[in-house]
């Protein structure tokens, strides 16, 4: 294994994305973007306006 990704939420609803790579696969930006998108989507309430 040459990387570890942790995406978690604490008791207050804060989201954490931890990315660690020990080998450069030139994909860290894509992996970070993926988890940022997941975090954003989770923050929205379905059926509610995006105000």
Protein backbone atom coordinates (compact mmCIF):
# COMPACT_ATOMS: atom_id res chain seq x y z
CA UNK A 1 0.00 0.00 0.00
CA UNK A 2 1.40 3.38 -0.89
CA UNK A 3 -1.32 5.78 0.25
CA UNK A 4 -4.01 6.19 2.88
CA UNK A 5 -7.18 8.28 2.68
CA UNK A 6 -9.34 9.09 5.68
CA UNK A 7 -12.64 10.93 5.36
CA UNK A 8 -14.55 11.34 8.60
CA UNK A 9 -16.96 13.60 10.50
CA UNK A 10 -16.74 14.56 14.18
CA UNK A 11 -19.53 15.05 16.73
CA UNK A 12 -19.94 18.73 15.78
CA UNK A 13 -20.43 17.89 12.09
CA UNK A 14 -16.96 19.01 10.96
CA UNK A 15 -15.58 17.00 8.05
CA UNK A 16 -11.95 15.90 7.82
CA UNK A 17 -10.08 14.68 4.75
CA UNK A 18 -6.63 13.25 5.45
CA UNK A 19 -4.48 12.34 2.45
CA UNK A 20 -1.10 10.71 2.77
CA UNK A 21 1.07 9.31 0.01
CA UNK A 22 4.50 7.75 0.32
CA UNK A 23 4.99 7.46 -3.45
CA UNK A 24 4.24 10.16 -6.00
CA UNK A 25 1.53 8.86 -8.34
CA UNK A 26 0.71 12.36 -9.60
CA UNK A 27 -2.93 12.00 -8.53
CA UNK A 28 -3.14 13.73 -5.14
CA UNK A 29 -5.05 16.70 -6.60
CA UNK A 30 -7.72 14.41 -8.08
CA UNK A 31 -8.10 12.47 -4.84
CA UNK A 32 -8.41 15.68 -2.79
CA UNK A 33 -10.99 17.06 -5.24
CA UNK A 34 -12.99 13.81 -4.94
CA UNK A 35 -13.22 14.08 -1.14
CA UNK A 36 -13.98 17.81 -1.26
CA UNK A 37 -16.90 17.05 -3.57
CA UNK A 38 -18.11 14.28 -1.25
CA UNK A 39 -17.93 16.67 1.70
CA UNK A 40 -19.88 19.38 -0.17
CA UNK A 41 -22.58 16.95 -1.28
CA UNK A 42 -22.99 15.64 2.27
CA UNK A 43 -23.42 19.20 3.59
CA UNK A 44 -26.50 19.88 1.45
CA UNK A 45 -29.95 18.98 2.72
CA UNK A 46 -31.88 17.15 0.02
CA UNK A 47 -34.91 19.02 -1.25
CA UNK A 48 -33.87 22.31 0.35
CA UNK A 49 -32.90 25.52 -1.47
CA UNK A 50 -29.17 26.29 -1.73
CA UNK A 51 -29.38 29.67 -0.05
